[in-house]
C-alpha atoms as a PDB file:
ATOM      1  CA  UNK A   1       0.000   0.000   0.000  1.00  0.00           C
ATOM      2  CA  UNK A   2       1.326   3.460  -0.915  1.00  0.00           C
ATOM      3  CA  UNK A   3       1.402   6.265   1.628  1.00  0.00           C
ATOM      4  CA  UNK A   4      -0.649   9.092   0.098  1.00  0.00           C
ATOM      5  CA  UNK A   5       1.048  11.642   2.358  1.00  0.00           C
ATOM      6  CA  UNK A   6       4.492  10.915   0.944  1.00  0.00           C
ATOM      7  CA  UNK A   7       6.407  14.024  -0.088  1.00  0.00           C
ATOM      8  CA  UNK A   8       7.989  14.244  -3.500  1.00  0.00           C
ATOM      9  CA  UNK A   9      10.488  16.825  -4.761  1.00  0.00           C
ATOM     10  CA  UNK A  10      11.792  16.711  -8.290  1.00  0.00           C
ATOM     11  CA  UNK A  11      13.695  18.927 -10.681  1.00  0.00           C
ATOM     12  CA  UNK A  12      12.409  18.797 -14.265  1.00  0.00           C
ATOM     13  CA  UNK A  13      14.694  21.428 -15.735  1.00  0.00           C
ATOM     14  CA  UNK A  14      16.900  24.374 -14.860  1.00  0.00           C
ATOM     15  CA  UNK A  15      17.337  27.047 -17.498  1.00  0.00           C
ATOM     16  CA  UNK A  16      18.359  30.605 -18.198  1.00  0.00           C
ATOM     17  CA  UNK A  17      15.061  32.295 -19.025  1.00  0.00           C
ATOM     18  CA  UNK A  18      16.322  35.812 -19.788  1.00  0.00           C
ATOM     19  CA  UNK A  19      19.707  37.535 -19.723  1.00  0.00           C
ATOM     20  CA  UNK A  20      21.122  40.976 -20.441  1.00  0.00           C
ATOM     21  CA  UNK A  21      24.621  42.438 -20.118  1.00  0.00           C
ATOM     22  CA  UNK A  22      25.439  46.104 -20.636  1.00  0.00           C
ATOM     23  CA  UNK A  23      28.728  47.996 -20.353  1.00  0.00           C
ATOM     24  CA  UNK A  24      27.508  51.510 -21.231  1.00  0.00           C
ATOM     25  CA  UNK A  25      30.761  53.333 -20.494  1.00  0.00           C
ATOM     26  CA  UNK A  26      33.195  51.041 -22.219  1.00  0.00           C
ATOM     27  CA  UNK A  27      35.918  51.361 -23.314  1.00  0.00           C
ATOM     28  CA  UNK A  28      36.486  54.450 -21.109  1.00  0.00           C
ATOM     29  CA  UNK A  29      35.836  52.458 -17.934  1.00  0.00           C
ATOM     30  CA  UNK A  30      38.826  50.208 -18.738  1.00  0.00           C
ATOM     31  CA  UNK A  31      41.206  53.200 -18.634  1.00  0.00           C
ATOM     32  CA  UNK A  32      40.716  53.722 -14.889  1.00  0.00           C
ATOM     33  CA  UNK A  33      41.684  51.772 -11.793  1.00  0.00           C
ATOM     34  CA  UNK A  34      38.707  49.441 -11.440  1.00  0.00           C
ATOM     35  CA  UNK A  35      37.446  49.507  -7.848  1.00  0.00           C
ATOM     36  CA  UNK A  36      33.723  49.036  -8.425  1.00  0.00           C
ATOM     37  CA  UNK A  37      30.790  49.495  -6.095  1.00  0.00           C
ATOM     38  CA  UNK A  38      28.700  46.383  -6.606  1.00  0.00           C
ATOM     39  CA  UNK A  39      24.978  46.252  -5.913  1.00  0.00           C
ATOM     40  CA  UNK A  40      22.869  43.107  -6.185  1.00  0.00           C
ATOM     41  CA  UNK A  41      19.083  42.827  -6.125  1.00  0.00           C
ATOM     42  CA  UNK A  42      17.070  39.623  -6.060  1.00  0.00           C
ATOM     43  CA  UNK A  43      13.464  38.877  -6.845  1.00  0.00           C
ATOM     44  CA  UNK A  44      11.549  35.616  -6.816  1.00  0.00           C
ATOM     45  CA  UNK A  45       8.468  34.618  -8.744  1.00  0.00           C
ATOM     46  CA  UNK A  46       6.603  31.314  -8.670  1.00  0.00           C
ATOM     47  CA  UNK A  47       4.090  30.061 -11.199  1.00  0.00           C
ATOM     48  CA  UNK A  48       1.861  27.017 -10.737  1.00  0.00           C
ATOM     49  CA  UNK A  49       2.100  25.255 -14.116  1.00  0.00           C
ATOM     50  CA  UNK A  50      -0.124  22.267 -13.305  1.00  0.00           C
ATOM     51  CA  UNK A  51      -0.940  20.052 -10.346  1.00  0.00           C
ATOM     52  CA  UNK A  52       2.173  19.842  -8.180  1.00  0.00           C
ATOM     53  CA  UNK A  53       4.433  21.395 -10.877  1.00  0.00           C
ATOM     54  CA  UNK A  54       5.855  24.886 -10.392  1.00  0.00           C
ATOM     55  CA  UNK A  55       8.143  27.219 -12.264  1.00  0.00           C
ATOM     56  CA  UNK A  56      10.382  29.225  -9.938  1.00  0.00           C
ATOM     57  CA  UNK A  57      12.146  32.246 -11.440  1.00  0.00           C
ATOM     58  CA  UNK A  58      15.034  33.867  -9.577  1.00  0.00           C
ATOM     59  CA  UNK A  59      15.738  37.330 -11.000  1.00  0.00           C
ATOM     60  CA  UNK A  60      19.196  38.715 -10.298  1.00  0.00           C
ATOM     61  CA  UNK A  61      20.318  42.244 -11.095  1.00  0.00           C
ATOM     62  CA  UNK A  62      23.962  43.157 -10.535  1.00  0.00           C
ATOM     63  CA  UNK A  63      25.236  46.646 -11.199  1.00  0.00           C
ATOM     64  CA  UNK A  64      28.746  48.008 -10.864  1.00  0.00           C
ATOM     65  CA  UNK A  65      29.767  51.635 -10.672  1.00  0.00           C
ATOM     66  CA  UNK A  66      33.301  52.938 -10.944  1.00  0.00           C
ATOM     67  CA  UNK A  67      33.988  56.609 -10.245  1.00  0.00           C
ATOM     68  CA  UNK A  68      30.219  57.299 -10.197  1.00  0.00           C
ATOM     69  CA  UNK A  69      29.815  55.898 -13.727  1.00  0.00           C
ATOM     70  CA  UNK A  70      28.047  52.691 -14.624  1.00  0.00           C
ATOM     71  CA  UNK A  71      30.645  50.036 -15.431  1.00  0.00           C
ATOM     72  CA  UNK A  72      28.269  47.162 -16.145  1.00  0.00           C
ATOM     73  CA  UNK A  73      24.766  45.910 -15.555  1.00  0.00           C
ATOM     74  CA  UNK A  74      23.763  42.242 -15.562  1.00  0.00           C
ATOM     75  CA  UNK A  75      20.126  41.220 -15.444  1.00  0.00           C
ATOM     76  CA  UNK A  76      19.148  37.589 -15.593  1.00  0.00           C
ATOM     77  CA  UNK A  77      16.335  35.245 -14.784  1.00  0.00           C
ATOM     78  CA  UNK A  78      17.433  31.791 -13.704  1.00  0.00           C
ATOM     79  CA  UNK A  79      14.463  29.460 -13.689  1.00  0.00           C
ATOM     80  CA  UNK A  80      13.550  25.916 -12.899  1.00  0.00           C
ATOM     81  CA  UNK A  81      10.564  23.626 -13.112  1.00  0.00           C
ATOM     82  CA  UNK A  82       9.995  21.607  -9.941  1.00  0.00           C
ATOM     83  CA  UNK A  83       7.580  18.944  -8.738  1.00  0.00           C
ATOM     84  CA  UNK A  84       6.379  19.543  -5.193  1.00  0.00           C
ATOM     85  CA  UNK A  85       3.903  16.917  -4.125  1.00  0.00           C
ATOM     86  CA  UNK A  86       2.604  16.017  -0.683  1.00  0.00           C
ATOM     87  CA  UNK A  87       3.668  19.236   1.026  1.00  0.00           C
ATOM     88  CA  UNK A  88       1.111  20.974   3.223  1.00  0.00           C
ATOM     89  CA  UNK A  89       0.480  24.704   2.862  1.00  0.00           C
ATOM     90  CA  UNK A  90       2.801  25.463   5.792  1.00  0.00           C
ATOM     91  CA  UNK A  91       5.761  23.750   4.081  1.00  0.00           C
ATOM     92  CA  UNK A  92       4.978  24.721   0.481  1.00  0.00           C
ATOM     93  CA  UNK A  93       6.015  28.358   1.016  1.00  0.00           C
ATOM     94  CA  UNK A  94       9.483  27.494   2.342  1.00  0.00           C
ATOM     95  CA  UNK A  95      10.000  24.931  -0.426  1.00  0.00           C
ATOM     96  CA  UNK A  96       9.211  27.510  -3.120  1.00  0.00           C
ATOM     97  CA  UNK A  97      10.784  30.473  -1.302  1.00  0.00           C
ATOM     98  CA  UNK A  98      13.897  28.894   0.210  1.00  0.00           C
ATOM     99  CA  UNK A  99      14.727  25.469  -1.168  1.00  0.00           C
ATOM    100  CA  UNK A 100      14.113  26.111  -4.882  1.00  0.00           C
ATOM    101  CA  UNK A 101      16.059  29.421  -4.938  1.00  0.00           C
ATOM    102  CA  UNK A 102      18.933  27.628  -3.174  1.00  0.00           C
ATOM    103  CA  UNK A 103      18.968  25.165  -6.076  1.00  0.00           C
ATOM    104  CA  UNK A 104      18.854  27.961  -8.696  1.00  0.00           C
ATOM    105  CA  UNK A 105      21.339  30.441  -7.197  1.00  0.00           C
ATOM    106  CA  UNK A 106      24.580  28.601  -8.088  1.00  0.00           C
ATOM    107  CA  UNK A 107      23.510  28.588 -11.744  1.00  0.00           C
ATOM    108  CA  UNK A 108      22.733  32.313 -11.626  1.00  0.00           C
ATOM    109  CA  UNK A 109      26.034  32.972  -9.871  1.00  0.00           C
ATOM    110  CA  UNK A 110      27.942  31.124 -12.583  1.00  0.00           C
ATOM    111  CA  UNK A 111      26.102  32.992 -15.351  1.00  0.00           C
ATOM    112  CA  UNK A 112      26.868  36.373 -13.763  1.00  0.00           C
ATOM    113  CA  UNK A 113      30.544  35.450 -13.379  1.00  0.00           C
ATOM    114  CA  UNK A 114      30.775  34.344 -17.017  1.00  0.00           C
ATOM    115  CA  UNK A 115      29.024  37.440 -18.372  1.00  0.00           C
ATOM    116  CA  UNK A 116      31.147  39.853 -16.356  1.00  0.00           C
ATOM    117  CA  UNK A 117      34.371  38.127 -17.417  1.00  0.00           C
ATOM    118  CA  UNK A 118      33.325  37.995 -21.069  1.00  0.00           C
ATOM    119  CA  UNK A 119      32.526  41.699 -20.786  1.00  0.00           C
ATOM    120  CA  UNK A 120      36.202  42.353 -20.062  1.00  0.00           C
ATOM    121  CA  UNK A 121      35.904  42.920 -16.324  1.00  0.00           C
ATOM    122  CA  UNK A 122      37.626  41.086 -13.455  1.00  0.00           C
ATOM    123  CA  UNK A 123      35.833  37.949 -12.286  1.00  0.00           C
ATOM    124  CA  UNK A 124      32.891  38.609 -10.008  1.00  0.00           C
ATOM    125  CA  UNK A 125      31.739  35.847  -7.676  1.00  0.00           C
ATOM    126  CA  UNK A 126      28.514  36.727  -5.918  1.00  0.00           C
ATOM    127  CA  UNK A 127      28.388  36.100  -2.202  1.00  0.00           C
ATOM    128  CA  UNK A 128      26.110  33.277  -1.049  1.00  0.00           C
ATOM    129  CA  UNK A 129      22.557  34.334  -0.258  1.00  0.00           C
ATOM    130  CA  UNK A 130      20.613  33.324   2.848  1.00  0.00           C
ATOM    131  CA  UNK A 131      17.225  32.628   1.276  1.00  0.00           C
ATOM    132  CA  UNK A 132      15.856  31.470   4.610  1.00  0.00           C
ATOM    133  CA  UNK A 133      16.449  34.928   6.114  1.00  0.00           C
ATOM    134  CA  UNK A 134      15.015  36.640   3.020  1.00  0.00           C
ATOM    135  CA  UNK A 135      11.934  34.418   3.181  1.00  0.00           C
ATOM    136  CA  UNK A 136      11.448  35.176   6.890  1.00  0.00           C
ATOM    137  CA  UNK A 137      11.802  38.909   6.191  1.00  0.00           C
ATOM    138  CA  UNK A 138       9.247  38.687   3.365  1.00  0.00           C
ATOM    139  CA  UNK A 139       6.814  36.765   5.587  1.00  0.00           C
ATOM    140  CA  UNK A 140       7.185  39.371   8.325  1.00  0.00           C
ATOM    141  CA  UNK A 141       6.481  42.173   5.833  1.00  0.00           C
ATOM    142  CA  UNK A 142       3.391  40.302   4.588  1.00  0.00           C
ATOM    143  CA  UNK A 143       2.189  39.775   8.166  1.00  0.00           C
ATOM    144  CA  UNK A 144       2.635  43.484   8.921  1.00  0.00           C
ATOM    145  CA  UNK A 145       0.606  44.426   5.810  1.00  0.00           C
ATOM    146  CA  UNK A 146      -2.179  42.089   6.926  1.00  0.00           C
ATOM    147  CA  UNK A 147      -2.279  43.621  10.410  1.00  0.00           C
ATOM    148  CA  UNK A 148      -2.553  47.183   9.097  1.00  0.00           C
END
């Protein structure tokens, strides 16, 4: 007999959904000592494709300024299609908001590093991201909106 409450997690595919690289002030930016100010922004979107199948899209924007001029801008969407079956509502949020982005982030990190290097800039390795803390912060913000 099969346990109907059994949890199932599966990865169908991981793919680069959208990508953009800009170096608006090249080649001038290469003439200066390159000590950039790096800023990274993350966004997460989930789409229910069918029963128990979800697309999770991690959007990453990385911008670098050198001497108050834009050096480069990388925008990408790293996505994956996941099966999440047997998870209750309480655990579904953390699976989609923590676990899936943790799977996707190394791919996004590698893509950013490759794009920046191919753009002629020194290698950029993004710092690891604590998606659990970001998820908790998002939940707290949602709870505060509900209370107001």
